[in-house]
PDB file of all heavy atoms in Angstrom:
ATOM      1  N   GLY A   1      15.541 -34.580 -89.111  1.00  0.00           N
ATOM      2  CA  GLY A   1      14.676 -35.368 -88.256  1.00  0.00           C
ATOM      3  C   GLY A   1      15.396 -36.546 -87.629  1.00  0.00           C
ATOM      4  O   GLY A   1      16.333 -37.102 -88.206  1.00  0.00           O
ATOM      5  N   GLN A   2      14.949 -36.931 -86.431  1.00  0.00           N
ATOM      6  CA  GLN A   2      15.631 -37.989 -85.703  1.00  0.00           C
ATOM      7  C   GLN A   2      15.503 -39.358 -86.370  1.00  0.00           C
ATOM      8  O   GLN A   2      16.449 -40.150 -86.368  1.00  0.00           O
ATOM      9  CB  GLN A   2      15.123 -38.065 -84.261  1.00  0.00           C
ATOM     10  CG  GLN A   2      15.955 -39.007 -83.402  1.00  0.00           C
ATOM     11  CD  GLN A   2      15.407 -39.141 -81.999  1.00  0.00           C
ATOM     12  OE1 GLN A   2      14.239 -39.448 -81.824  1.00  0.00           O
ATOM     13  NE2 GLN A   2      16.246 -38.900 -81.008  1.00  0.00           N
ATOM     14  N   LYS A   3      14.349 -39.653 -86.957  1.00  0.00           N
ATOM     15  CA  LYS A   3      14.171 -40.957 -87.586  1.00  0.00           C
ATOM     16  C   LYS A   3      15.190 -41.182 -88.688  1.00  0.00           C
ATOM     17  O   LYS A   3      15.776 -42.263 -88.801  1.00  0.00           O
ATOM     18  CB  LYS A   3      12.747 -41.100 -88.124  1.00  0.00           C
ATOM     19  CG  LYS A   3      11.687 -41.299 -87.057  1.00  0.00           C
ATOM     20  CD  LYS A   3      10.327 -41.570 -87.669  1.00  0.00           C
ATOM     21  CE  LYS A   3       9.282 -41.822 -86.580  1.00  0.00           C
ATOM     22  NZ  LYS A   3       7.924 -42.083 -87.160  1.00  0.00           N
ATOM     23  N   LYS A   4      15.422 -40.157 -89.501  1.00  0.00           N
ATOM     24  CA  LYS A   4      16.403 -40.286 -90.580  1.00  0.00           C
ATOM     25  C   LYS A   4      17.813 -40.387 -90.013  1.00  0.00           C
ATOM     26  O   LYS A   4      18.657 -41.118 -90.554  1.00  0.00           O
ATOM     27  CB  LYS A   4      16.289 -39.090 -91.530  1.00  0.00           C
ATOM     28  CG  LYS A   4      15.024 -39.101 -92.380  1.00  0.00           C
ATOM     29  CD  LYS A   4      15.015 -37.945 -93.369  1.00  0.00           C
ATOM     30  CE  LYS A   4      13.766 -37.985 -94.239  1.00  0.00           C
ATOM     31  NZ  LYS A   4      13.722 -36.849 -95.201  1.00  0.00           N
ATOM     32  N   ALA A   5      18.078 -39.671 -88.932  1.00  0.00           N
ATOM     33  CA  ALA A   5      19.402 -39.732 -88.315  1.00  0.00           C
ATOM     34  C   ALA A   5      19.680 -41.123 -87.765  1.00  0.00           C
ATOM     35  O   ALA A   5      20.770 -41.680 -87.959  1.00  0.00           O
ATOM     36  CB  ALA A   5      19.504 -38.695 -87.206  1.00  0.00           C
ATOM     37  N   LEU A   6      18.694 -41.702 -87.104  1.00  0.00           N
ATOM     38  CA  LEU A   6      18.864 -43.047 -86.549  1.00  0.00           C
ATOM     39  C   LEU A   6      18.999 -44.080 -87.661  1.00  0.00           C
ATOM     40  O   LEU A   6      19.766 -45.041 -87.547  1.00  0.00           O
ATOM     41  CB  LEU A   6      17.684 -43.390 -85.644  1.00  0.00           C
ATOM     42  CG  LEU A   6      17.566 -42.558 -84.362  1.00  0.00           C
ATOM     43  CD1 LEU A   6      16.239 -42.823 -83.674  1.00  0.00           C
ATOM     44  CD2 LEU A   6      18.726 -42.831 -83.411  1.00  0.00           C
ATOM     45  N   ARG A   7      18.266 -43.870 -88.755  1.00  0.00           N
ATOM     46  CA  ARG A   7      18.389 -44.772 -89.899  1.00  0.00           C
ATOM     47  C   ARG A   7      19.795 -44.700 -90.490  1.00  0.00           C
ATOM     48  O   ARG A   7      20.381 -45.727 -90.855  1.00  0.00           O
ATOM     49  CB  ARG A   7      17.344 -44.409 -90.959  1.00  0.00           C
ATOM     50  CG  ARG A   7      17.179 -45.455 -92.060  1.00  0.00           C
ATOM     51  CD  ARG A   7      16.116 -45.047 -93.060  1.00  0.00           C
ATOM     52  NE  ARG A   7      14.853 -44.761 -92.382  1.00  0.00           N
ATOM     53  CZ  ARG A   7      14.182 -43.630 -92.516  1.00  0.00           C
ATOM     54  NH1 ARG A   7      14.650 -42.662 -93.298  1.00  0.00           N
ATOM     55  NH2 ARG A   7      13.041 -43.446 -91.889  1.00  0.00           N
ATOM     56  N   SER A   8      20.343 -43.508 -90.557  1.00  0.00           N
ATOM     57  CA  SER A   8      21.713 -43.345 -91.074  1.00  0.00           C
ATOM     58  C   SER A   8      22.729 -44.049 -90.177  1.00  0.00           C
ATOM     59  O   SER A   8      23.692 -44.648 -90.654  1.00  0.00           O
ATOM     60  CB  SER A   8      22.054 -41.858 -91.167  1.00  0.00           C
ATOM     61  OG  SER A   8      21.254 -41.202 -92.120  1.00  0.00           O
ATOM     62  N   LEU A   9      22.497 -43.970 -88.871  1.00  0.00           N
ATOM     63  CA  LEU A   9      23.389 -44.644 -87.927  1.00  0.00           C
ATOM     64  C   LEU A   9      23.348 -46.157 -88.137  1.00  0.00           C
ATOM     65  O   LEU A   9      24.391 -46.823 -88.164  1.00  0.00           O
ATOM     66  CB  LEU A   9      22.974 -44.285 -86.498  1.00  0.00           C
ATOM     67  CG  LEU A   9      23.884 -44.742 -85.364  1.00  0.00           C
ATOM     68  CD1 LEU A   9      25.270 -44.145 -85.495  1.00  0.00           C
ATOM     69  CD2 LEU A   9      23.276 -44.361 -84.013  1.00  0.00           C
ATOM     70  N   ALA A  10      22.157 -46.702 -88.311  1.00  0.00           N
ATOM     71  CA  ALA A  10      22.016 -48.138 -88.554  1.00  0.00           C
ATOM     72  C   ALA A  10      22.662 -48.553 -89.871  1.00  0.00           C
ATOM     73  O   ALA A  10      23.340 -49.592 -89.947  1.00  0.00           O
ATOM     74  CB  ALA A  10      20.528 -48.522 -88.543  1.00  0.00           C
ATOM     75  N   GLU A  11      22.487 -47.743 -90.903  1.00  0.00           N
ATOM     76  CA  GLU A  11      23.076 -48.058 -92.205  1.00  0.00           C
ATOM     77  C   GLU A  11      24.593 -48.045 -92.143  1.00  0.00           C
ATOM     78  O   GLU A  11      25.255 -48.873 -92.786  1.00  0.00           O
ATOM     79  CB  GLU A  11      22.571 -47.065 -93.252  1.00  0.00           C
ATOM     80  CG  GLU A  11      21.092 -47.259 -93.596  1.00  0.00           C
ATOM     81  CD  GLU A  11      20.547 -46.143 -94.464  1.00  0.00           C
ATOM     82  OE1 GLU A  11      21.290 -45.157 -94.711  1.00  0.00           O
ATOM     83  OE2 GLU A  11      19.374 -46.237 -94.877  1.00  0.00           O
ATOM     84  N   ARG A  12      25.150 -47.129 -91.355  1.00  0.00           N
ATOM     85  CA  ARG A  12      26.605 -47.085 -91.209  1.00  0.00           C
ATOM     86  C   ARG A  12      27.102 -48.359 -90.530  1.00  0.00           C
ATOM     87  O   ARG A  12      28.109 -48.942 -90.937  1.00  0.00           O
ATOM     88  CB  ARG A  12      27.012 -45.852 -90.392  1.00  0.00           C
ATOM     89  CG  ARG A  12      28.515 -45.715 -90.166  1.00  0.00           C
ATOM     90  CD  ARG A  12      29.254 -45.640 -91.501  1.00  0.00           C
ATOM     91  NE  ARG A  12      30.678 -45.719 -91.345  1.00  0.00           N
ATOM     92  CZ  ARG A  12      31.487 -44.650 -91.318  1.00  0.00           C
ATOM     93  NH1 ARG A  12      30.979 -43.442 -91.437  1.00  0.00           N
ATOM     94  NH2 ARG A  12      32.789 -44.795 -91.198  1.00  0.00           N
ATOM     95  N   LEU A  13      26.400 -48.791 -89.517  1.00  0.00           N
ATOM     96  CA  LEU A  13      26.787 -50.007 -88.807  1.00  0.00           C
ATOM     97  C   LEU A  13      26.717 -51.226 -89.724  1.00  0.00           C
ATOM     98  O   LEU A  13      27.592 -52.094 -89.710  1.00  0.00           O
ATOM     99  CB  LEU A  13      25.877 -50.192 -87.597  1.00  0.00           C
ATOM    100  CG  LEU A  13      26.155 -51.357 -86.652  1.00  0.00           C
ATOM    101  CD1 LEU A  13      27.571 -51.289 -86.113  1.00  0.00           C
ATOM    102  CD2 LEU A  13      25.165 -51.348 -85.505  1.00  0.00           C
ATOM    103  N   LYS A  14      25.681 -51.297 -90.560  1.00  0.00           N
ATOM    104  CA  LYS A  14      25.529 -52.424 -91.477  1.00  0.00           C
ATOM    105  C   LYS A  14      26.618 -52.439 -92.552  1.00  0.00           C
ATOM    106  O   LYS A  14      27.020 -53.505 -93.018  1.00  0.00           O
ATOM    107  CB  LYS A  14      24.155 -52.352 -92.161  1.00  0.00           C
ATOM    108  CG  LYS A  14      22.984 -52.677 -91.265  1.00  0.00           C
ATOM    109  CD  LYS A  14      21.685 -52.533 -92.046  1.00  0.00           C
ATOM    110  CE  LYS A  14      20.460 -52.834 -91.206  1.00  0.00           C
ATOM    111  NZ  LYS A  14      19.191 -52.651 -91.964  1.00  0.00           N
ATOM    112  N   SER A  15      27.087 -51.270 -92.934  1.00  0.00           N
ATOM    113  CA  SER A  15      28.030 -51.189 -94.059  1.00  0.00           C
ATOM    114  C   SER A  15      29.459 -51.546 -93.684  1.00  0.00           C
ATOM    115  O   SER A  15      30.261 -51.919 -94.543  1.00  0.00           O
ATOM    116  CB  SER A  15      28.003 -49.781 -94.667  1.00  0.00           C
ATOM    117  OG  SER A  15      28.533 -48.819 -93.747  1.00  0.00           O
ATOM    118  N   ASP A  16      29.804 -51.449 -92.404  1.00  0.00           N
ATOM    119  CA  ASP A  16      31.167 -51.757 -91.969  1.00  0.00           C
ATOM    120  C   ASP A  16      31.345 -53.252 -91.722  1.00  0.00           C
ATOM    121  O   ASP A  16      30.410 -53.942 -91.312  1.00  0.00           O
ATOM    122  CB  ASP A  16      31.506 -50.992 -90.684  1.00  0.00           C
ATOM    123  CG  ASP A  16      31.994 -49.579 -90.949  1.00  0.00           C
ATOM    124  OD1 ASP A  16      32.434 -49.304 -92.080  1.00  0.00           O
ATOM    125  OD2 ASP A  16      31.926 -48.754 -90.028  1.00  0.00           O
ATOM    126  N   GLN A  17      32.564 -53.740 -91.960  1.00  0.00           N
ATOM    127  CA  GLN A  17      32.899 -55.133 -91.658  1.00  0.00           C
ATOM    128  C   GLN A  17      33.361 -55.195 -90.206  1.00  0.00           C
ATOM    129  O   GLN A  17      34.483 -54.797 -89.883  1.00  0.00           O
ATOM    130  CB  GLN A  17      33.979 -55.648 -92.598  1.00  0.00           C
ATOM    131  CG  GLN A  17      33.508 -55.816 -94.035  1.00  0.00           C
ATOM    132  CD  GLN A  17      34.551 -56.507 -94.892  1.00  0.00           C
ATOM    133  OE1 GLN A  17      35.744 -56.263 -94.762  1.00  0.00           O
ATOM    134  NE2 GLN A  17      34.101 -57.388 -95.767  1.00  0.00           N
ATOM    135  N   ILE A  18      32.514 -55.711 -89.343  1.00  0.00           N
ATOM    136  CA  ILE A  18      32.770 -55.687 -87.911  1.00  0.00           C
ATOM    137  C   ILE A  18      33.572 -56.903 -87.477  1.00  0.00           C
ATOM    138  O   ILE A  18      33.306 -58.033 -87.914  1.00  0.00           O
ATOM    139  CB  ILE A  18      31.438 -55.621 -87.137  1.00  0.00           C
ATOM    140  CG1 ILE A  18      30.713 -54.315 -87.472  1.00  0.00           C
ATOM    141  CG2 ILE A  18      31.657 -55.734 -85.640  1.00  0.00           C
ATOM    142  CD1 ILE A  18      29.338 -54.205 -86.880  1.00  0.00           C
ATOM    143  N   ASP A  19      34.550 -56.677 -86.636  1.00  0.00           N
ATOM    144  CA  ASP A  19      35.336 -57.754 -86.036  1.00  0.00           C
ATOM    145  C   ASP A  19      34.555 -58.279 -84.830  1.00  0.00           C
ATOM    146  O   ASP A  19      34.525 -57.648 -83.773  1.00  0.00           O
ATOM    147  CB  ASP A  19      36.705 -57.238 -85.609  1.00  0.00           C
ATOM    148  CG  ASP A  19      37.628 -58.343 -85.117  1.00  0.00           C
ATOM    149  OD1 ASP A  19      37.132 -59.435 -84.770  1.00  0.00           O
ATOM    150  OD2 ASP A  19      38.858 -58.110 -85.056  1.00  0.00           O
ATOM    151  N   GLU A  20      33.929 -59.427 -84.986  1.00  0.00           N
ATOM    152  CA  GLU A  20      33.049 -59.962 -83.954  1.00  0.00           C
ATOM    153  C   GLU A  20      33.803 -60.553 -82.768  1.00  0.00           C
ATOM    154  O   GLU A  20      33.177 -61.001 -81.801  1.00  0.00           O
ATOM    155  CB  GLU A  20      32.109 -61.015 -84.558  1.00  0.00           C
ATOM    156  CG  GLU A  20      31.199 -60.501 -85.651  1.00  0.00           C
ATOM    157  CD  GLU A  20      30.129 -59.532 -85.156  1.00  0.00           C
ATOM    158  OE1 GLU A  20      29.969 -59.389 -83.927  1.00  0.00           O
ATOM    159  OE2 GLU A  20      29.445 -58.921 -86.006  1.00  0.00           O
ATOM    160  N   SER A  21      35.122 -60.541 -82.808  1.00  0.00           N
ATOM    161  CA  SER A  21      35.887 -60.995 -81.640  1.00  0.00           C
ATOM    162  C   SER A  21      35.911 -59.925 -80.554  1.00  0.00           C
ATOM    163  O   SER A  21      36.372 -60.186 -79.437  1.00  0.00           O
ATOM    164  CB  SER A  21      37.311 -61.380 -82.040  1.00  0.00           C
ATOM    165  OG  SER A  21      38.028 -60.269 -82.558  1.00  0.00           O
ATOM    166  N   TYR A  22      35.428 -58.728 -80.897  1.00  0.00           N
ATOM    167  CA  TYR A  22      35.285 -57.651 -79.922  1.00  0.00           C
ATOM    168  C   TYR A  22      33.793 -57.342 -79.757  1.00  0.00           C
ATOM    169  O   TYR A  22      33.003 -57.560 -80.672  1.00  0.00           O
ATOM    170  CB  TYR A  22      36.009 -56.389 -80.389  1.00  0.00           C
ATOM    171  CG  TYR A  22      37.507 -56.531 -80.430  1.00  0.00           C
ATOM    172  CD1 TYR A  22      38.155 -56.948 -81.598  1.00  0.00           C
ATOM    173  CD2 TYR A  22      38.288 -56.257 -79.308  1.00  0.00           C
ATOM    174  CE1 TYR A  22      39.533 -57.086 -81.640  1.00  0.00           C
ATOM    175  CE2 TYR A  22      39.663 -56.390 -79.342  1.00  0.00           C
ATOM    176  CZ  TYR A  22      40.276 -56.811 -80.507  1.00  0.00           C
ATOM    177  OH  TYR A  22      41.640 -56.952 -80.537  1.00  0.00           O
ATOM    178  N   PRO A  23      33.405 -56.821 -78.613  1.00  0.00           N
ATOM    179  CA  PRO A  23      31.977 -56.517 -78.405  1.00  0.00           C
ATOM    180  C   PRO A  23      31.524 -55.312 -79.230  1.00  0.00           C
ATOM    181  O   PRO A  23      32.318 -54.442 -79.583  1.00  0.00           O
ATOM    182  CB  PRO A  23      31.905 -56.200 -76.908  1.00  0.00           C
ATOM    183  CG  PRO A  23      33.283 -55.734 -76.548  1.00  0.00           C
ATOM    184  CD  PRO A  23      34.218 -56.523 -77.412  1.00  0.00           C
ATOM    185  N   VAL A  24      30.238 -55.292 -79.528  1.00  0.00           N
ATOM    186  CA  VAL A  24      29.593 -54.109 -80.077  1.00  0.00           C
ATOM    187  C   VAL A  24      28.805 -53.488 -78.932  1.00  0.00           C
ATOM    188  O   VAL A  24      27.952 -54.146 -78.330  1.00  0.00           O
ATOM    189  CB  VAL A  24      28.656 -54.459 -81.246  1.00  0.00           C
ATOM    190  CG1 VAL A  24      27.892 -53.214 -81.720  1.00  0.00           C
ATOM    191  CG2 VAL A  24      29.454 -55.060 -82.401  1.00  0.00           C
ATOM    192  N   TYR A  25      29.121 -52.241 -78.609  1.00  0.00           N
ATOM    193  CA  TYR A  25      28.472 -51.557 -77.503  1.00  0.00           C
ATOM    194  C   TYR A  25      27.596 -50.429 -78.044  1.00  0.00           C
ATOM    195  O   TYR A  25      28.028 -49.671 -78.928  1.00  0.00           O
ATOM    196  CB  TYR A  25      29.507 -50.952 -76.554  1.00  0.00           C
ATOM    197  CG  TYR A  25      30.288 -51.962 -75.742  1.00  0.00           C
ATOM    198  CD1 TYR A  25      31.654 -51.794 -75.527  1.00  0.00           C
ATOM    199  CD2 TYR A  25      29.673 -53.069 -75.177  1.00  0.00           C
ATOM    200  CE1 TYR A  25      32.382 -52.708 -74.766  1.00  0.00           C
ATOM    201  CE2 TYR A  25      30.392 -53.988 -74.422  1.00  0.00           C
ATOM    202  CZ  TYR A  25      31.743 -53.805 -74.226  1.00  0.00           C
ATOM    203  OH  TYR A  25      32.454 -54.706 -73.467  1.00  0.00           O
ATOM    204  N   PHE A  26      26.395 -50.300 -77.503  1.00  0.00           N
ATOM    205  CA  PHE A  26      25.512 -49.204 -77.879  1.00  0.00           C
ATOM    206  C   PHE A  26      25.476 -48.178 -76.753  1.00  0.00           C
ATOM    207  O   PHE A  26      25.660 -48.508 -75.582  1.00  0.00           O
ATOM    208  CB  PHE A  26      24.122 -49.730 -78.193  1.00  0.00           C
ATOM    209  CG  PHE A  26      24.042 -50.463 -79.496  1.00  0.00           C
ATOM    210  CD1 PHE A  26      24.353 -51.814 -79.559  1.00  0.00           C
ATOM    211  CD2 PHE A  26      23.701 -49.801 -80.668  1.00  0.00           C
ATOM    212  CE1 PHE A  26      24.316 -52.493 -80.756  1.00  0.00           C
ATOM    213  CE2 PHE A  26      23.657 -50.475 -81.880  1.00  0.00           C
ATOM    214  CZ  PHE A  26      23.960 -51.827 -81.933  1.00  0.00           C
ATOM    215  N   LEU A  27      25.229 -46.932 -77.124  1.00  0.00           N
ATOM    216  CA  LEU A  27      25.276 -45.813 -76.184  1.00  0.00           C
ATOM    217  C   LEU A  27      23.968 -45.039 -76.200  1.00  0.00           C
ATOM    218  O   LEU A  27      23.363 -44.848 -77.260  1.00  0.00           O
ATOM    219  CB  LEU A  27      26.421 -44.862 -76.555  1.00  0.00           C
ATOM    220  CG  LEU A  27      27.825 -45.454 -76.630  1.00  0.00           C
ATOM    221  CD1 LEU A  27      28.793 -44.430 -77.230  1.00  0.00           C
ATOM    222  CD2 LEU A  27      28.303 -45.902 -75.260  1.00  0.00           C
ATOM    223  N   GLN A  28      23.566 -44.583 -75.036  1.00  0.00           N
ATOM    224  CA  GLN A  28      22.394 -43.723 -74.918  1.00  0.00           C
ATOM    225  C   GLN A  28      22.698 -42.623 -73.905  1.00  0.00           C
ATOM    226  O   GLN A  28      23.663 -42.710 -73.153  1.00  0.00           O
ATOM    227  CB  GLN A  28      21.177 -44.502 -74.441  1.00  0.00           C
ATOM    228  CG  GLN A  28      21.314 -44.991 -72.997  1.00  0.00           C
ATOM    229  CD  GLN A  28      20.024 -45.555 -72.423  1.00  0.00           C
ATOM    230  OE1 GLN A  28      19.710 -46.701 -72.679  1.00  0.00           O
ATOM    231  NE2 GLN A  28      19.313 -44.741 -71.649  1.00  0.00           N
ATOM    232  N   THR A  29      21.872 -41.593 -73.907  1.00  0.00           N
ATOM    233  CA  THR A  29      21.988 -40.582 -72.854  1.00  0.00           C
ATOM    234  C   THR A  29      20.867 -40.812 -71.849  1.00  0.00           C
ATOM    235  O   THR A  29      20.918 -41.750 -71.079  1.00  0.00           O
ATOM    236  CB  THR A  29      21.968 -39.157 -73.445  1.00  0.00           C
ATOM    237  OG1 THR A  29      20.828 -39.014 -74.316  1.00  0.00           O
ATOM    238  CG2 THR A  29      23.240 -38.869 -74.221  1.00  0.00           C
ATOM    239  N   ASP A  30      19.832 -39.986 -71.891  1.00  0.00           N
ATOM    240  CA  ASP A  30      18.794 -40.081 -70.863  1.00  0.00           C
ATOM    241  C   ASP A  30      17.704 -41.101 -71.155  1.00  0.00           C
ATOM    242  O   ASP A  30      17.090 -41.644 -70.251  1.00  0.00           O
ATOM    243  CB  ASP A  30      18.162 -38.706 -70.644  1.00  0.00           C
ATOM    244  CG  ASP A  30      17.651 -38.098 -71.942  1.00  0.00           C
ATOM    245  OD1 ASP A  30      18.242 -38.369 -72.997  1.00  0.00           O
ATOM    246  OD2 ASP A  30      16.674 -37.336 -71.904  1.00  0.00           O
ATOM    247  N   VAL A  31      17.439 -41.382 -72.429  1.00  0.00           N
ATOM    248  CA  VAL A  31      16.364 -42.314 -72.791  1.00  0.00           C
ATOM    249  C   VAL A  31      16.918 -43.410 -73.704  1.00  0.00           C
ATOM    250  O   VAL A  31      17.905 -43.204 -74.410  1.00  0.00           O
ATOM    251  CB  VAL A  31      15.190 -41.593 -73.482  1.00  0.00           C
ATOM    252  CG1 VAL A  31      14.495 -40.647 -72.525  1.00  0.00           C
ATOM    253  CG2 VAL A  31      15.661 -40.838 -74.722  1.00  0.00           C
ATOM    254  N   SER A  32      16.262 -44.565 -73.708  1.00  0.00           N
ATOM    255  CA  SER A  32      16.786 -45.703 -74.460  1.00  0.00           C
ATOM    256  C   SER A  32      16.083 -45.932 -75.795  1.00  0.00           C
ATOM    257  O   SER A  32      16.578 -46.706 -76.617  1.00  0.00           O
ATOM    258  CB  SER A  32      16.657 -46.980 -73.612  1.00  0.00           C
ATOM    259  OG  SER A  32      15.301 -47.246 -73.305  1.00  0.00           O
ATOM    260  N   GLU A  33      14.955 -45.277 -76.024  1.00  0.00           N
ATOM    261  CA  GLU A  33      14.179 -45.552 -77.235  1.00  0.00           C
ATOM    262  C   GLU A  33      14.976 -45.341 -78.525  1.00  0.00           C
ATOM    263  O   GLU A  33      14.919 -46.192 -79.433  1.00  0.00           O
ATOM    264  CB  GLU A  33      12.900 -44.712 -77.264  1.00  0.00           C
ATOM    265  CG  GLU A  33      11.835 -45.157 -76.279  1.00  0.00           C
ATOM    266  CD  GLU A  33      12.095 -44.656 -74.861  1.00  0.00           C
ATOM    267  OE1 GLU A  33      13.089 -43.912 -74.670  1.00  0.00           O
ATOM    268  OE2 GLU A  33      11.317 -44.997 -73.964  1.00  0.00           O
TER     269      GLU A  33
END
């Protein structure tokens, strides 16, 4: 299901130590929801 997939994507982002000196870019295809 998509809800679980999106939750997994968010959890992966939270778990990594992000270098904030670079931008974080989000990607979509046809819809933004």
